[in-house]
Amino acid sequence: MSEPASISSGIAARYATAIFEIALDSKKLKDLESDTEALAGALEDSADLRDLIASPIYSREAQGRAMMAVAAKMGLLDVTRNALGLMAEKRRLFVLPQLVAQLRERIAEHKGEVTAEVTSAKVLTQAQSDKLAKTLKERIGKDIKIHATVDESLIGGLVVKVGSKMIDTSIRSRLNSLQNAMKEVG
């Protein structure tokens, strides 16, 4: 991990720990999980939000006002809203994607779940997602939460990452392997 990435990760970890523990103590973990998913969706869907948190052009005050408006519109918990305000005040909003990832990890760990990052060539149906979760649960022994993304360049198949393990059954990787084998022959 590069130094700036590890610094960002460390900052995000401290905020995530504080937010998680406050939500746990106030028995609002389910609401925090909803907040986390809502923030993840907003970051994924809104280029303006990604620009706001990453751009040094915006002042602390402008970032703070914008994040408070977003938090109010989304109906986020007070603890989440306050953390976003503090992050804006300290110019730490750039770690919001890492914060979301850290919160997801902590919530999943608390629930005894493992998150599987699944990339497919097309959107998985609910039945496919459920079957994959069941199969992974049998192999790993823990409940699996699927976080699915789409990458059409895979052509077909899946790339599944669970912790440090990766299973790549994509057609793209098979074609790359075949191409490398062909280079070795000729």
Protein backbone atom coordinates (compact mmCIF):
# COMPACT_ATOMS: atom_id res chain seq x y z
CA MET A 1 0.00 0.00 0.00
CA SER A 2 1.40 3.43 -0.88
CA GLU A 3 2.03 5.94 1.86
CA PRO A 4 -0.88 8.29 0.95
CA ALA A 5 -3.23 5.31 0.70
CA SER A 6 -2.16 4.01 4.11
CA ILE A 7 -2.58 7.48 5.62
CA SER A 8 -6.09 7.72 4.14
CA SER A 9 -6.87 4.24 5.38
CA GLY A 10 -5.64 5.13 8.88
CA ILE A 11 -7.74 8.29 8.99
CA ALA A 12 -10.80 6.40 7.76
CA ALA A 13 -10.21 3.63 10.32
CA ARG A 14 -10.22 6.10 13.21
CA TYR A 15 -13.47 7.73 12.09
CA ALA A 16 -15.05 4.33 11.36
CA THR A 17 -14.13 3.02 14.81
CA ALA A 18 -15.66 6.04 16.53
CA ILE A 19 -18.85 6.00 14.43
CA PHE A 20 -19.26 2.24 14.79
CA GLU A 21 -18.79 2.25 18.57
CA ILE A 22 -21.23 5.14 19.07
CA ALA A 23 -23.84 3.41 16.91
CA LEU A 24 -23.25 0.11 18.72
CA ASP A 25 -23.57 1.74 22.16
CA SER A 26 -26.78 3.53 21.14
CA LYS A 27 -28.17 0.33 19.55
CA LYS A 28 -28.41 1.94 16.10
CA LEU A 29 -26.24 -0.51 14.18
CA LYS A 30 -29.02 -1.37 11.71
CA ASP A 31 -29.50 2.35 10.99
CA LEU A 32 -25.74 2.79 10.59
CA GLU A 33 -25.76 -0.05 8.06
CA SER A 34 -28.48 1.79 6.10
CA ASP A 35 -26.45 5.03 6.30
CA THR A 36 -23.34 3.23 5.05
CA GLU A 37 -25.15 1.72 2.07
CA ALA A 38 -26.81 5.05 1.28
CA LEU A 39 -23.44 6.84 1.33
CA ALA A 40 -21.90 4.11 -0.85
CA GLY A 41 -24.73 4.49 -3.34
CA ALA A 42 -24.43 8.27 -3.36
CA LEU A 43 -20.68 8.08 -3.97
CA GLU A 44 -21.21 5.59 -6.77
CA ASP A 45 -24.05 7.53 -8.43
CA SER A 46 -22.95 11.15 -8.03
CA ALA A 47 -19.91 12.55 -9.79
CA ASP A 48 -20.69 15.90 -8.12
CA LEU A 49 -20.39 14.32 -4.66
CA ARG A 50 -17.11 12.64 -5.60
CA ASP A 51 -15.82 16.01 -6.87
CA LEU A 52 -16.98 17.78 -3.70
CA ILE A 53 -15.10 15.44 -1.37
CA ALA A 54 -11.93 15.31 -3.47
CA SER A 55 -11.52 18.84 -4.76
CA PRO A 56 -9.39 21.35 -2.85
CA ILE A 57 -11.29 24.17 -4.61
CA TYR A 58 -14.16 24.00 -2.12
CA SER A 59 -13.68 25.66 1.25
CA ARG A 60 -14.21 23.80 4.51
CA GLU A 61 -17.41 25.74 5.03
CA ALA A 62 -18.74 24.96 1.55
CA GLN A 63 -17.93 21.26 1.95
CA GLY A 64 -19.52 21.24 5.40
CA ARG A 65 -22.73 22.94 4.22
CA ALA A 66 -22.99 20.65 1.20
CA MET A 67 -22.41 17.49 3.27
CA MET A 68 -24.94 18.60 5.90
CA ALA A 69 -27.50 19.17 3.13
CA VAL A 70 -26.76 15.74 1.64
CA ALA A 71 -26.92 14.09 5.08
CA ALA A 72 -30.24 15.81 5.89
CA LYS A 73 -31.73 14.86 2.51
CA MET A 74 -30.64 11.23 3.05
CA GLY A 75 -31.96 11.19 6.63
CA LEU A 76 -28.64 10.00 8.10
CA LEU A 77 -28.15 9.30 11.80
CA ASP A 78 -26.89 12.15 13.98
CA VAL A 79 -23.61 10.30 14.56
CA THR A 80 -23.06 9.94 10.80
CA ARG A 81 -24.07 13.53 10.14
CA ASN A 82 -21.80 14.83 12.91
CA ALA A 83 -18.87 12.76 11.64
CA LEU A 84 -19.33 14.11 8.10
CA GLY A 85 -19.41 17.65 9.50
CA LEU A 86 -16.23 17.05 11.49
CA MET A 87 -14.55 15.48 8.46
CA ALA A 88 -15.44 18.57 6.39
CA GLU A 89 -14.16 20.87 9.13
CA LYS A 90 -10.85 18.97 9.28
CA ARG A 91 -10.64 18.64 5.44
CA ARG A 92 -10.86 14.87 5.68
CA LEU A 93 -13.83 14.22 3.35
CA PHE A 94 -11.45 12.73 0.78
CA VAL A 95 -11.40 9.54 2.91
CA LEU A 96 -15.18 9.04 2.64
CA PRO A 97 -14.88 6.04 0.25
CA GLN A 98 -12.43 4.34 2.65
CA LEU A 99 -14.71 5.23 5.58
CA VAL A 100 -17.63 3.49 3.86
CA ALA A 101 -15.46 0.41 3.24
CA GLN A 102 -14.25 0.37 6.86
CA LEU A 103 -17.80 0.71 8.21
CA ARG A 104 -18.97 -2.11 5.96
CA GLU A 105 -16.17 -4.32 7.30
CA ARG A 106 -16.92 -3.55 10.93
CA ILE A 107 -20.66 -4.09 10.55
CA ALA A 108 -20.14 -7.35 8.66
CA GLU A 109 -17.64 -8.59 11.24
CA HIS A 110 -20.05 -7.75 14.05
CA LYS A 111 -22.82 -9.68 12.27
CA GLY A 112 -20.51 -12.63 11.50
CA GLU A 113 -20.66 -11.94 7.77
CA VAL A 114 -17.98 -11.83 5.13
CA THR A 115 -18.32 -9.55 2.12
CA ALA A 116 -17.64 -11.02 -1.29
CA GLU A 117 -16.69 -8.54 -4.01
CA VAL A 118 -18.22 -10.03 -7.14
CA THR A 119 -17.56 -8.64 -10.61
CA SER A 120 -19.59 -10.04 -13.48
CA ALA A 121 -20.01 -9.32 -17.18
CA LYS A 122 -23.70 -8.51 -16.64
CA VAL A 123 -25.93 -7.79 -13.67
CA LEU A 124 -26.58 -10.87 -11.52
CA THR A 125 -30.19 -11.85 -10.93
CA GLN A 126 -31.36 -12.25 -7.34
CA ALA A 127 -31.46 -16.04 -7.82
CA GLN A 128 -27.86 -16.08 -9.12
CA SER A 129 -26.71 -13.87 -6.26
CA ASP A 130 -28.46 -16.06 -3.68
CA LYS A 131 -27.00 -19.25 -5.17
CA LEU A 132 -23.50 -17.74 -5.20
CA ALA A 133 -23.87 -16.61 -1.57
CA LYS A 134 -25.02 -20.11 -0.57
CA THR A 135 -22.12 -21.77 -2.40
CA LEU A 136 -19.57 -19.38 -0.85
CA LYS A 137 -21.09 -19.91 2.60
CA GLU A 138 -20.57 -23.67 2.23
CA ARG A 139 -16.90 -23.12 1.30
CA ILE A 140 -16.07 -20.42 3.84
CA GLY A 141 -18.40 -21.29 6.71
CA LYS A 142 -19.70 -17.77 7.32
CA ASP A 143 -22.67 -15.79 6.05
CA ILE A 144 -21.79 -14.03 2.81
CA LYS A 145 -22.89 -10.58 1.75
CA ILE A 146 -22.51 -10.02 -1.99
CA HIS A 147 -21.24 -6.65 -3.24
CA ALA A 148 -21.73 -6.91 -6.99
CA THR A 149 -20.30 -4.76 -9.78
CA VAL A 150 -20.44 -5.11 -13.54
CA ASP A 151 -17.45 -5.11 -15.92
CA GLU A 152 -18.51 -5.94 -19.48
CA SER A 153 -14.87 -6.48 -20.50
CA LEU A 154 -14.98 -9.83 -18.62
CA ILE A 155 -17.07 -11.14 -21.56
CA GLY A 156 -18.59 -13.80 -19.27
CA GLY A 157 -17.99 -15.53 -15.95
CA LEU A 158 -17.18 -14.00 -12.57
CA VAL A 159 -14.34 -12.61 -10.52
CA VAL A 160 -15.00 -13.24 -6.82
CA LYS A 161 -12.84 -11.76 -4.04
CA VAL A 162 -13.39 -12.88 -0.47
CA GLY A 163 -10.76 -11.52 1.88
CA SER A 164 -7.37 -12.35 0.37
CA LYS A 165 -8.77 -15.08 -1.89
CA MET A 166 -9.71 -14.46 -5.50
CA ILE A 167 -11.53 -16.78 -7.88
CA ASP A 168 -11.40 -15.67 -11.51
CA THR A 169 -13.64 -17.67 -13.87
CA SER A 170 -13.99 -14.88 -16.42
CA ILE A 171 -13.67 -15.59 -20.11
CA ARG A 172 -11.24 -12.66 -20.34
CA SER A 173 -8.80 -14.36 -17.94
CA ARG A 174 -9.15 -17.68 -19.75
CA LEU A 175 -8.40 -15.97 -23.07
CA ASN A 176 -5.36 -14.26 -21.52
CA SER A 177 -4.14 -17.63 -20.22
CA LEU A 178 -4.63 -19.18 -23.64
CA GLN A 179 -2.79 -16.27 -25.26
CA ASN A 180 0.16 -16.73 -22.87
CA ALA A 181 0.20 -20.47 -23.54
CA MET A 182 0.25 -19.82 -27.27
CA LYS A 183 3.21 -17.43 -26.87
CA GLU A 184 5.16 -20.14 -25.02
CA VAL A 185 4.54 -22.66 -27.82
CA GLY A 186 5.57 -20.48 -30.74
